[in-house]
Protein backbone atom coordinates (compact mmCIF):
# COMPACT_ATOMS: atom_id res chain seq x y z
CA UNK A 1 0.00 0.00 0.00
CA UNK A 2 1.35 3.41 -0.94
CA UNK A 3 1.79 5.96 1.83
CA UNK A 4 0.83 9.56 1.06
CA UNK A 5 3.67 12.07 0.98
CA UNK A 6 3.18 15.66 2.06
CA UNK A 7 5.56 18.41 0.98
CA UNK A 8 5.61 21.41 3.23
CA UNK A 9 7.97 24.35 2.99
CA UNK A 10 8.33 26.83 5.89
CA UNK A 11 8.04 29.84 3.55
CA UNK A 12 5.14 28.35 1.58
CA UNK A 13 4.99 28.72 -2.20
CA UNK A 14 8.03 31.04 -2.23
CA UNK A 15 10.29 28.38 -0.72
CA UNK A 16 8.76 25.76 -3.01
CA UNK A 17 9.59 27.88 -6.10
CA UNK A 18 13.16 28.36 -4.88
CA UNK A 19 13.47 24.59 -4.35
CA UNK A 20 12.18 23.82 -7.86
CA UNK A 21 14.49 26.36 -9.49
CA UNK A 22 17.63 25.33 -7.61
CA UNK A 23 18.94 23.57 -10.76
CA UNK A 24 17.55 26.00 -13.36
CA UNK A 25 20.57 28.26 -13.43
CA UNK A 26 21.30 31.48 -11.60
CA UNK A 27 18.21 33.57 -10.84
CA UNK A 28 17.83 36.97 -12.51
CA UNK A 29 16.52 38.31 -9.20
CA UNK A 30 17.81 36.78 -5.96
CA UNK A 31 14.43 36.88 -4.23
CA UNK A 32 11.33 34.88 -5.15
CA UNK A 33 8.28 37.10 -5.68
CA UNK A 34 5.50 35.53 -3.60
CA UNK A 35 2.17 36.53 -2.15
CA UNK A 36 -0.86 34.98 -0.52
CA UNK A 37 -4.52 35.97 -0.67
CA UNK A 38 -7.46 34.67 1.31
CA UNK A 39 -10.94 34.68 -0.21
CA UNK A 40 -13.61 34.61 2.49
CA UNK A 41 -16.36 33.86 -0.05
CA UNK A 42 -14.84 30.49 -0.87
CA UNK A 43 -13.08 29.96 2.47
CA UNK A 44 -9.85 29.35 0.57
CA UNK A 45 -6.35 30.72 0.26
CA UNK A 46 -4.21 31.12 -2.84
CA UNK A 47 -0.42 31.33 -2.79
CA UNK A 48 1.53 32.50 -5.84
CA UNK A 49 5.30 32.47 -6.31
CA UNK A 50 7.33 33.60 -9.32
CA UNK A 51 11.03 33.53 -10.12
CA UNK A 52 12.95 34.39 -13.25
CA UNK A 53 16.10 32.42 -13.97
CA UNK A 54 18.89 33.16 -16.41
CA UNK A 55 18.00 30.29 -18.74
CA UNK A 56 17.17 31.13 -22.36
CA UNK A 57 14.61 28.34 -22.42
CA UNK A 58 11.08 29.03 -21.16
CA UNK A 59 9.97 26.80 -18.32
CA UNK A 60 6.62 27.38 -16.70
CA UNK A 61 5.34 25.07 -13.99
CA UNK A 62 2.05 25.27 -12.16
CA UNK A 63 0.61 23.36 -9.23
CA UNK A 64 -2.74 23.12 -7.47
CA UNK A 65 -2.63 21.67 -3.96
CA UNK A 66 0.98 20.58 -4.62
CA UNK A 67 -0.10 18.52 -7.64
CA UNK A 68 1.40 19.50 -11.02
CA UNK A 69 -1.24 20.83 -13.39
CA UNK A 70 -0.97 20.02 -17.09
CA UNK A 71 0.11 22.84 -19.32
CA UNK A 72 -2.37 23.67 -22.04
CA UNK A 73 -1.36 25.42 -25.22
CA UNK A 74 -3.85 27.79 -26.76
CA UNK A 75 -4.12 28.15 -30.53
């Protein structure tokens, strides 16, 4: 039986973004841009974190509840 694994970073999404980008090359900006917003209407919280790295190749990753979300390309 598979045991669930929970990833938790002390600084939330900002620390998670820094962890993911650790091998993506030197960051353009040393700090991760991160913010959190609570929506009382839905009793939920959203965390967003962004970081630009020096790579010439675009790499965008998104997650919902720590689960990678598929990237959709629009025509």
